[in-house]
């Protein structure tokens, strides 16, 4: 039986929290949704690192 976890982040994770979250997602997921919100700011250089791995935008 496959169990699917859903996480709803209410704030923009930063620094070590952000890196830990991405590591967990990459280590334990075949695919995951990375959803950006207009009202939050993102480091565009970090987002660019994901570009080769994006399936759909």
Protein backbone atom coordinates (compact mmCIF):
# COMPACT_ATOMS: atom_id res chain seq x y z
CA UNK A 1 0.00 0.00 0.00
CA UNK A 2 1.43 3.36 -1.04
CA UNK A 3 0.98 6.24 1.36
CA UNK A 4 0.94 9.76 -0.04
CA UNK A 5 1.89 12.64 2.23
CA UNK A 6 0.75 16.18 1.61
CA UNK A 7 2.54 19.11 3.19
CA UNK A 8 1.08 22.60 3.18
CA UNK A 9 3.70 25.22 4.01
CA UNK A 10 2.23 28.46 5.31
CA UNK A 11 5.47 30.45 5.18
CA UNK A 12 8.40 30.62 2.80
CA UNK A 13 11.13 28.33 4.19
CA UNK A 14 14.56 29.95 4.16
CA UNK A 15 18.20 29.09 4.68
CA UNK A 16 18.77 25.73 6.39
CA UNK A 17 15.06 24.91 6.55
CA UNK A 18 14.73 25.38 2.80
CA UNK A 19 17.77 23.23 2.02
CA UNK A 20 16.59 20.49 4.42
CA UNK A 21 13.15 20.47 2.83
CA UNK A 22 14.53 20.13 -0.68
CA UNK A 23 16.91 17.36 0.44
CA UNK A 24 14.04 15.40 2.02
CA UNK A 25 11.92 15.82 -1.11
CA UNK A 26 14.73 14.71 -3.41
CA UNK A 27 15.78 11.78 -1.20
CA UNK A 28 12.30 10.38 -0.62
CA UNK A 29 10.27 11.23 -3.72
CA UNK A 30 10.18 10.16 -7.32
CA UNK A 31 8.44 13.42 -8.17
CA UNK A 32 7.09 16.35 -6.22
CA UNK A 33 5.23 19.60 -6.81
CA UNK A 34 7.11 22.80 -6.12
CA UNK A 35 4.49 25.52 -6.20
CA UNK A 36 5.38 29.19 -6.03
CA UNK A 37 3.02 31.87 -4.78
CA UNK A 38 2.86 35.40 -6.16
CA UNK A 39 2.92 37.01 -2.70
CA UNK A 40 6.21 35.31 -1.72
CA UNK A 41 9.66 36.06 -3.05
CA UNK A 42 12.07 33.38 -4.26
CA UNK A 43 15.75 33.31 -5.02
CA UNK A 44 15.66 33.11 -8.81
CA UNK A 45 19.16 31.58 -8.92
CA UNK A 46 17.96 28.67 -6.78
CA UNK A 47 14.85 28.19 -8.91
CA UNK A 48 17.05 28.17 -12.03
CA UNK A 49 18.92 25.16 -10.61
CA UNK A 50 15.70 23.14 -10.90
CA UNK A 51 15.12 24.04 -14.54
CA UNK A 52 16.68 20.84 -15.98
CA UNK A 53 14.38 18.75 -13.79
CA UNK A 54 11.06 20.49 -14.40
CA UNK A 55 8.44 18.25 -15.98
CA UNK A 56 5.73 20.88 -16.27
CA UNK A 57 5.44 24.55 -15.49
